[in-house]
């Protein structure tokens, strides 16, 4: 198990099975999924997503680290942040994040990206970390 990742306003922790309800609050909304290859999710799809994350977190040779994003002030799960090792030999990884639209425009995604990059370099010993986004996603592409 990985330690929590902590920033000034957030902490990122491993997902728990019961988190699917909070994930569904944003993953079922069309605006959240408009630039994603998935969604809007049904309840079963949100449950399956969280179940898979929990299974992945127990792998011995782990390549995927998905964290629940928790806002410190209110303790609410507001999204997910992920770092995935894409190439073990060359030590390359990729980050991704998704935030509940009720929290858009508050720089939470930027904060998550920074802590994931720090985790990737310091804890996973990666040499290169990248991210991609749909060019229509103005909020993500400006960073």
N, C-alpha and C. Protein backbone atom coordinates (compact mmCIF):
# COMPACT_ATOMS: atom_id res chain seq x y z
N UNK A 1 0.84 -1.19 0.00
CA UNK A 1 0.00 0.00 0.00
C UNK A 1 0.88 1.25 0.00
N UNK A 2 0.45 2.23 -0.73
CA UNK A 2 1.16 3.48 -0.89
C UNK A 2 0.69 4.47 0.19
N UNK A 3 1.60 5.29 0.66
CA UNK A 3 1.23 6.34 1.60
C UNK A 3 0.35 7.37 0.92
N UNK A 4 -0.43 8.10 1.72
CA UNK A 4 -1.23 9.20 1.19
C UNK A 4 -0.31 10.27 0.64
N UNK A 5 -0.76 10.95 -0.39
CA UNK A 5 -0.04 12.08 -0.96
C UNK A 5 -0.77 13.34 -0.48
N UNK A 6 -0.03 14.28 0.07
CA UNK A 6 -0.66 15.41 0.73
C UNK A 6 -0.18 16.72 0.12
N UNK A 7 -1.14 17.62 -0.16
CA UNK A 7 -0.85 18.98 -0.61
C UNK A 7 -1.49 19.93 0.40
N UNK A 8 -1.41 21.20 0.12
CA UNK A 8 -1.97 22.21 1.01
C UNK A 8 -3.49 22.05 1.17
N UNK A 9 -4.19 21.78 0.07
CA UNK A 9 -5.65 21.72 0.11
C UNK A 9 -6.24 20.33 -0.07
N UNK A 10 -5.40 19.37 -0.42
CA UNK A 10 -5.89 18.04 -0.78
C UNK A 10 -5.05 16.94 -0.15
N UNK A 11 -5.65 15.77 -0.08
CA UNK A 11 -4.82 14.58 0.10
C UNK A 11 -5.35 13.51 -0.84
N UNK A 12 -4.42 12.73 -1.35
CA UNK A 12 -4.75 11.64 -2.26
C UNK A 12 -4.49 10.34 -1.54
N UNK A 13 -5.47 9.46 -1.59
CA UNK A 13 -5.36 8.16 -0.93
C UNK A 13 -5.81 7.07 -1.88
N UNK A 14 -5.44 5.85 -1.55
CA UNK A 14 -5.88 4.71 -2.35
C UNK A 14 -7.41 4.63 -2.28
N UNK A 15 -8.01 4.13 -3.35
CA UNK A 15 -9.46 3.97 -3.38
C UNK A 15 -9.91 2.83 -2.50
N UNK A 16 -11.13 2.96 -1.99
CA UNK A 16 -11.81 1.91 -1.22
C UNK A 16 -13.08 1.56 -1.99
N UNK A 17 -13.56 0.33 -1.83
CA UNK A 17 -14.72 -0.14 -2.58
C UNK A 17 -15.92 0.79 -2.43
N UNK A 18 -16.13 1.34 -1.27
CA UNK A 18 -17.30 2.20 -1.02
C UNK A 18 -17.21 3.55 -1.73
N UNK A 19 -16.07 3.89 -2.30
CA UNK A 19 -15.89 5.18 -2.98
C UNK A 19 -16.68 5.28 -4.28
N UNK A 20 -17.23 4.18 -4.77
CA UNK A 20 -17.91 4.21 -6.06
C UNK A 20 -19.05 5.23 -6.09
N UNK A 21 -19.72 5.43 -4.96
CA UNK A 21 -20.85 6.37 -4.93
C UNK A 21 -20.38 7.79 -5.21
N UNK A 22 -19.25 8.19 -4.63
CA UNK A 22 -18.72 9.52 -4.89
C UNK A 22 -18.18 9.63 -6.31
N UNK A 23 -17.59 8.57 -6.82
CA UNK A 23 -17.12 8.56 -8.21
C UNK A 23 -18.32 8.73 -9.14
N UNK A 24 -19.39 8.05 -8.83
CA UNK A 24 -20.58 8.11 -9.70
C UNK A 24 -21.17 9.53 -9.75
N UNK A 25 -21.00 10.30 -8.69
CA UNK A 25 -21.54 11.67 -8.66
C UNK A 25 -20.97 12.53 -9.79
N UNK A 26 -19.71 12.26 -10.19
CA UNK A 26 -19.15 13.02 -11.31
C UNK A 26 -19.07 12.19 -12.59
N UNK A 27 -18.83 10.89 -12.49
CA UNK A 27 -18.64 10.06 -13.68
C UNK A 27 -19.95 9.83 -14.45
N UNK A 28 -21.06 10.14 -13.84
CA UNK A 28 -22.36 9.98 -14.51
C UNK A 28 -22.79 11.26 -15.22
N UNK A 29 -22.00 12.31 -15.10
CA UNK A 29 -22.37 13.61 -15.68
C UNK A 29 -21.76 13.77 -17.08
N UNK A 30 -22.59 14.05 -18.07
CA UNK A 30 -22.09 14.19 -19.45
C UNK A 30 -20.96 15.22 -19.60
N UNK A 31 -21.01 16.32 -18.88
CA UNK A 31 -19.98 17.35 -19.01
C UNK A 31 -18.60 16.82 -18.62
N UNK A 32 -18.55 15.90 -17.68
CA UNK A 32 -17.28 15.34 -17.21
C UNK A 32 -16.68 14.42 -18.28
N UNK A 33 -17.53 13.75 -19.00
CA UNK A 33 -17.10 12.72 -19.94
C UNK A 33 -16.95 13.22 -21.38
N UNK A 34 -17.23 14.48 -21.62
CA UNK A 34 -17.28 14.95 -23.00
C UNK A 34 -15.97 14.78 -23.76
N UNK A 35 -14.84 14.74 -23.07
CA UNK A 35 -13.54 14.56 -23.75
C UNK A 35 -12.90 13.22 -23.39
N UNK A 36 -13.69 12.32 -22.82
CA UNK A 36 -13.19 11.01 -22.40
C UNK A 36 -13.70 9.93 -23.34
N UNK A 37 -12.99 8.81 -23.42
CA UNK A 37 -13.47 7.70 -24.25
C UNK A 37 -14.51 6.83 -23.54
N UNK A 38 -14.99 7.28 -22.38
CA UNK A 38 -15.97 6.53 -21.58
C UNK A 38 -17.07 7.48 -21.12
N UNK A 39 -18.13 6.87 -20.62
CA UNK A 39 -19.18 7.59 -19.92
C UNK A 39 -20.18 8.28 -20.81
N UNK A 40 -21.16 8.90 -20.19
CA UNK A 40 -21.42 8.93 -18.75
C UNK A 40 -21.68 7.52 -18.20
N UNK A 41 -21.18 7.29 -17.01
CA UNK A 41 -21.25 5.97 -16.40
C UNK A 41 -22.61 5.66 -15.80
N UNK A 42 -22.97 4.39 -15.89
CA UNK A 42 -24.08 3.87 -15.10
C UNK A 42 -23.54 3.57 -13.71
N UNK A 43 -24.41 3.28 -12.76
CA UNK A 43 -23.94 2.91 -11.42
C UNK A 43 -23.03 1.68 -11.50
N UNK A 44 -23.41 0.70 -12.31
CA UNK A 44 -22.61 -0.52 -12.43
C UNK A 44 -21.22 -0.23 -13.00
N UNK A 45 -21.13 0.70 -13.94
CA UNK A 45 -19.82 1.06 -14.51
C UNK A 45 -18.96 1.78 -13.48
N UNK A 46 -19.54 2.64 -12.68
CA UNK A 46 -18.77 3.31 -11.62
C UNK A 46 -18.29 2.30 -10.59
N UNK A 47 -19.15 1.37 -10.21
CA UNK A 47 -18.76 0.31 -9.27
C UNK A 47 -17.62 -0.52 -9.85
N UNK A 48 -17.76 -0.93 -11.11
CA UNK A 48 -16.73 -1.76 -11.76
C UNK A 48 -15.40 -1.03 -11.85
N UNK A 49 -15.43 0.27 -12.13
CA UNK A 49 -14.21 1.07 -12.19
C UNK A 49 -13.49 1.04 -10.85
N UNK A 50 -14.21 1.31 -9.78
CA UNK A 50 -13.58 1.34 -8.45
C UNK A 50 -13.13 -0.07 -8.06
N UNK A 51 -13.92 -1.08 -8.35
CA UNK A 51 -13.52 -2.46 -8.04
C UNK A 51 -12.21 -2.81 -8.74
N UNK A 52 -12.06 -2.41 -10.01
CA UNK A 52 -10.83 -2.69 -10.75
C UNK A 52 -9.64 -1.96 -10.15
N UNK A 53 -9.84 -0.73 -9.73
CA UNK A 53 -8.77 0.04 -9.10
C UNK A 53 -8.29 -0.66 -7.83
N UNK A 54 -9.23 -1.15 -7.03
CA UNK A 54 -8.87 -1.84 -5.79
C UNK A 54 -8.09 -3.11 -6.10
N UNK A 55 -8.50 -3.86 -7.12
CA UNK A 55 -7.77 -5.06 -7.54
C UNK A 55 -6.36 -4.68 -7.99
N UNK A 56 -6.26 -3.65 -8.84
CA UNK A 56 -4.96 -3.21 -9.35
C UNK A 56 -4.02 -2.79 -8.22
N UNK A 57 -4.58 -2.21 -7.16
CA UNK A 57 -3.75 -1.72 -6.06
C UNK A 57 -3.09 -2.84 -5.27
N UNK A 58 -3.58 -4.06 -5.46
CA UNK A 58 -3.04 -5.20 -4.71
C UNK A 58 -2.05 -6.04 -5.53
N UNK A 59 -1.75 -5.59 -6.75
CA UNK A 59 -0.81 -6.31 -7.61
C UNK A 59 0.61 -6.20 -7.05
N UNK A 60 1.38 -7.28 -7.18
CA UNK A 60 2.77 -7.26 -6.72
C UNK A 60 3.65 -6.39 -7.59
N UNK A 61 3.60 -6.59 -8.89
CA UNK A 61 4.36 -5.77 -9.82
C UNK A 61 3.40 -4.72 -10.36
N UNK A 62 3.31 -3.66 -9.64
CA UNK A 62 2.27 -2.66 -9.89
C UNK A 62 2.68 -1.64 -10.95
N UNK A 63 1.77 -1.37 -11.89
CA UNK A 63 2.04 -0.36 -12.91
C UNK A 63 1.04 0.79 -12.83
N UNK A 64 0.00 0.64 -12.06
CA UNK A 64 -1.08 1.63 -12.01
C UNK A 64 -1.35 2.06 -10.57
N UNK A 65 -1.33 3.37 -10.35
CA UNK A 65 -1.61 3.95 -9.04
C UNK A 65 -2.72 4.97 -9.23
N UNK A 66 -3.90 4.65 -8.73
CA UNK A 66 -5.04 5.55 -8.85
C UNK A 66 -5.44 5.99 -7.45
N UNK A 67 -5.53 7.29 -7.28
CA UNK A 67 -5.80 7.87 -5.96
C UNK A 67 -7.13 8.61 -5.96
N UNK A 68 -7.86 8.47 -4.86
CA UNK A 68 -9.04 9.29 -4.62
C UNK A 68 -8.54 10.66 -4.19
N UNK A 69 -9.09 11.71 -4.79
CA UNK A 69 -8.74 13.08 -4.43
C UNK A 69 -9.73 13.55 -3.37
N UNK A 70 -9.21 13.87 -2.20
CA UNK A 70 -10.04 14.30 -1.08
C UNK A 70 -9.72 15.75 -0.75
N UNK A 71 -10.76 16.58 -0.69
CA UNK A 71 -10.54 17.97 -0.30
C UNK A 71 -10.41 18.02 1.23
N UNK A 72 -9.33 18.63 1.71
CA UNK A 72 -9.07 18.70 3.14
C UNK A 72 -10.19 19.41 3.91
N UNK A 73 -10.68 20.51 3.36
CA UNK A 73 -11.62 21.35 4.09
C UNK A 73 -12.92 20.63 4.45
N UNK A 74 -13.44 19.84 3.51
CA UNK A 74 -14.72 19.19 3.79
C UNK A 74 -14.65 17.66 3.81
N UNK A 75 -13.49 17.09 3.50
CA UNK A 75 -13.31 15.64 3.53
C UNK A 75 -14.01 14.90 2.40
N UNK A 76 -14.46 15.61 1.38
CA UNK A 76 -15.20 14.98 0.29
C UNK A 76 -14.27 14.49 -0.81
N UNK A 77 -14.65 13.35 -1.39
CA UNK A 77 -13.96 12.82 -2.56
C UNK A 77 -14.42 13.64 -3.76
N UNK A 78 -13.46 14.32 -4.42
CA UNK A 78 -13.82 15.22 -5.51
C UNK A 78 -13.27 14.78 -6.86
N UNK A 79 -12.60 13.64 -6.91
CA UNK A 79 -12.07 13.18 -8.19
C UNK A 79 -11.08 12.05 -8.03
N UNK A 80 -10.35 11.81 -9.11
CA UNK A 80 -9.34 10.75 -9.13
C UNK A 80 -8.10 11.24 -9.85
N UNK A 81 -6.95 10.83 -9.35
CA UNK A 81 -5.67 11.12 -9.98
C UNK A 81 -4.93 9.82 -10.19
N UNK A 82 -4.29 9.69 -11.33
CA UNK A 82 -3.63 8.42 -11.67
C UNK A 82 -2.25 8.65 -12.24
N UNK A 83 -1.34 7.78 -11.89
CA UNK A 83 -0.06 7.70 -12.57
C UNK A 83 0.13 6.24 -12.96
N UNK A 84 0.48 6.04 -14.20
CA UNK A 84 0.64 4.69 -14.74
C UNK A 84 2.03 4.56 -15.33
N UNK A 85 2.72 3.50 -14.96
CA UNK A 85 4.03 3.23 -15.55
C UNK A 85 3.77 2.59 -16.90
N UNK A 86 4.18 3.27 -17.95
CA UNK A 86 3.96 2.80 -19.32
C UNK A 86 5.11 1.95 -19.83
N UNK A 87 6.32 2.19 -19.33
CA UNK A 87 7.50 1.49 -19.81
C UNK A 87 8.47 1.32 -18.64
N UNK A 88 8.53 0.11 -18.08
CA UNK A 88 9.39 -0.14 -16.93
C UNK A 88 10.86 -0.01 -17.29
N UNK A 89 11.23 -0.49 -18.47
CA UNK A 89 12.64 -0.46 -18.88
C UNK A 89 13.16 0.97 -18.99
N UNK A 90 12.42 1.82 -19.68
CA UNK A 90 12.84 3.21 -19.88
C UNK A 90 12.30 4.16 -18.83
N UNK A 91 11.56 3.63 -17.87
CA UNK A 91 11.03 4.38 -16.74
C UNK A 91 10.18 5.58 -17.17
N UNK A 92 9.19 5.30 -18.02
CA UNK A 92 8.27 6.32 -18.48
C UNK A 92 6.91 6.11 -17.84
N UNK A 93 6.26 7.20 -17.50
CA UNK A 93 4.93 7.14 -16.92
C UNK A 93 4.01 8.19 -17.50
N UNK A 94 2.75 8.06 -17.18
CA UNK A 94 1.74 9.00 -17.65
C UNK A 94 0.80 9.33 -16.51
N UNK A 95 0.43 10.60 -16.41
CA UNK A 95 -0.53 11.00 -15.39
C UNK A 95 -1.88 11.33 -16.04
N UNK A 96 -2.91 11.21 -15.21
CA UNK A 96 -4.26 11.58 -15.63
C UNK A 96 -5.02 11.98 -14.37
N UNK A 97 -6.05 12.76 -14.58
CA UNK A 97 -6.88 13.18 -13.44
C UNK A 97 -8.27 13.52 -13.96
N UNK A 98 -9.21 13.45 -13.06
CA UNK A 98 -10.57 13.88 -13.36
C UNK A 98 -11.14 14.46 -12.07
N UNK A 99 -11.81 15.59 -12.21
CA UNK A 99 -12.32 16.30 -11.04
C UNK A 99 -13.81 16.58 -11.22
N UNK A 100 -14.55 16.42 -10.16
CA UNK A 100 -15.97 16.74 -10.14
C UNK A 100 -16.14 18.19 -10.61
N UNK A 101 -17.05 18.45 -11.55
CA UNK A 101 -17.19 19.81 -12.08
C UNK A 101 -17.58 20.85 -11.03
N UNK A 102 -18.12 20.42 -9.91
CA UNK A 102 -18.42 21.37 -8.82
C UNK A 102 -17.14 22.01 -8.28
N UNK A 103 -15.97 21.43 -8.64
CA UNK A 103 -14.68 21.91 -8.15
C UNK A 103 -13.78 22.40 -9.29
N UNK A 104 -14.33 22.57 -10.46
CA UNK A 104 -13.55 23.09 -11.59
C UNK A 104 -13.21 24.56 -11.37
N UNK A 105 -12.12 24.98 -11.96
CA UNK A 105 -11.72 26.39 -11.90
C UNK A 105 -11.08 26.79 -10.59
N UNK A 106 -10.73 25.82 -9.75
CA UNK A 106 -10.13 26.11 -8.44
C UNK A 106 -8.68 25.63 -8.36
N UNK A 107 -8.12 25.22 -9.49
CA UNK A 107 -6.74 24.74 -9.60
C UNK A 107 -6.47 23.43 -8.87
N UNK A 108 -7.51 22.67 -8.56
CA UNK A 108 -7.29 21.38 -7.92
C UNK A 108 -6.58 20.41 -8.86
N UNK A 109 -6.93 20.41 -10.14
CA UNK A 109 -6.28 19.50 -11.09
C UNK A 109 -4.80 19.81 -11.21
N UNK A 110 -4.44 21.08 -11.21
CA UNK A 110 -3.03 21.47 -11.26
C UNK A 110 -2.30 20.95 -10.02
N UNK A 111 -2.92 21.08 -8.88
CA UNK A 111 -2.33 20.60 -7.63
C UNK A 111 -2.15 19.08 -7.66
N UNK A 112 -3.13 18.38 -8.20
CA UNK A 112 -3.05 16.93 -8.32
C UNK A 112 -1.93 16.54 -9.28
N UNK A 113 -1.86 17.21 -10.42
CA UNK A 113 -0.81 16.90 -11.39
C UNK A 113 0.57 17.06 -10.77
N UNK A 114 0.78 18.12 -10.03
CA UNK A 114 2.08 18.36 -9.42
C UNK A 114 2.46 17.27 -8.42
N UNK A 115 1.51 16.85 -7.57
CA UNK A 115 1.84 15.83 -6.56
C UNK A 115 2.03 14.46 -7.23
N UNK A 116 1.30 14.18 -8.32
CA UNK A 116 1.51 12.92 -9.04
C UNK A 116 2.88 12.89 -9.71
N UNK A 117 3.29 14.01 -10.27
CA UNK A 117 4.61 14.09 -10.89
C UNK A 117 5.70 13.91 -9.84
N UNK A 118 5.54 14.55 -8.71
CA UNK A 118 6.52 14.40 -7.63
C UNK A 118 6.59 12.94 -7.18
N UNK A 119 5.46 12.29 -7.01
CA UNK A 119 5.39 10.88 -6.62
C UNK A 119 6.09 10.02 -7.68
N UNK A 120 5.82 10.30 -8.94
CA UNK A 120 6.41 9.52 -10.03
C UNK A 120 7.92 9.59 -10.06
N UNK A 121 8.46 10.78 -9.87
CA UNK A 121 9.92 10.93 -9.89
C UNK A 121 10.57 10.42 -8.60
N UNK A 122 10.02 10.78 -7.46
CA UNK A 122 10.65 10.44 -6.18
C UNK A 122 10.40 9.01 -5.72
N UNK A 123 9.17 8.55 -5.85
CA UNK A 123 8.81 7.22 -5.32
C UNK A 123 8.90 6.10 -6.36
N UNK A 124 8.55 6.41 -7.59
CA UNK A 124 8.57 5.38 -8.64
C UNK A 124 9.85 5.42 -9.46
N UNK A 125 10.68 6.43 -9.22
CA UNK A 125 11.97 6.59 -9.90
C UNK A 125 11.83 6.66 -11.43
N UNK A 126 10.79 7.32 -11.88
CA UNK A 126 10.60 7.49 -13.31
C UNK A 126 11.56 8.55 -13.85
N UNK A 127 11.85 8.45 -15.14
CA UNK A 127 12.72 9.42 -15.80
C UNK A 127 11.91 10.41 -16.63
N UNK A 128 10.73 9.99 -17.10
CA UNK A 128 9.90 10.84 -17.94
C UNK A 128 8.43 10.59 -17.57
N UNK A 129 7.70 11.68 -17.44
CA UNK A 129 6.26 11.60 -17.15
C UNK A 129 5.55 12.51 -18.13
N UNK A 130 4.52 12.00 -18.75
CA UNK A 130 3.78 12.81 -19.71
C UNK A 130 2.28 12.72 -19.43
N UNK A 131 1.54 13.59 -20.09
CA UNK A 131 0.08 13.58 -20.02
C UNK A 131 -0.44 14.04 -21.38
N UNK A 132 -1.61 13.60 -21.70
CA UNK A 132 -2.26 14.04 -22.93
C UNK A 132 -3.67 14.51 -22.59
N UNK A 133 -4.22 15.32 -23.47
CA UNK A 133 -5.62 15.70 -23.31
C UNK A 133 -6.19 16.04 -24.67
N UNK A 134 -7.48 15.96 -24.75
CA UNK A 134 -8.19 16.35 -25.95
C UNK A 134 -7.96 17.85 -26.15
N UNK A 135 -7.55 18.29 -27.33
CA UNK A 135 -7.26 19.71 -27.53
C UNK A 135 -8.48 20.62 -27.33
N UNK A 136 -9.66 20.07 -27.37
CA UNK A 136 -10.87 20.86 -27.11
C UNK A 136 -11.05 21.14 -25.61
N UNK A 137 -10.32 20.41 -24.79
CA UNK A 137 -10.43 20.58 -23.34
C UNK A 137 -9.53 21.75 -22.93
N UNK A 138 -10.05 22.94 -23.05
CA UNK A 138 -9.30 24.16 -22.82
C UNK A 138 -8.74 24.22 -21.39
N UNK A 139 -9.54 23.80 -20.41
CA UNK A 139 -9.10 23.83 -19.02
C UNK A 139 -7.84 23.02 -18.78
N UNK A 140 -7.75 21.84 -19.35
CA UNK A 140 -6.56 21.00 -19.15
C UNK A 140 -5.41 21.38 -20.09
N UNK A 141 -5.72 21.80 -21.31
CA UNK A 141 -4.67 22.04 -22.28
C UNK A 141 -3.87 23.31 -22.00
N UNK A 142 -4.38 24.23 -21.19
CA UNK A 142 -3.65 25.47 -20.94
C UNK A 142 -2.48 25.29 -19.98
N UNK A 143 -2.41 24.17 -19.30
CA UNK A 143 -1.30 23.92 -18.38
C UNK A 143 -0.27 23.13 -19.11
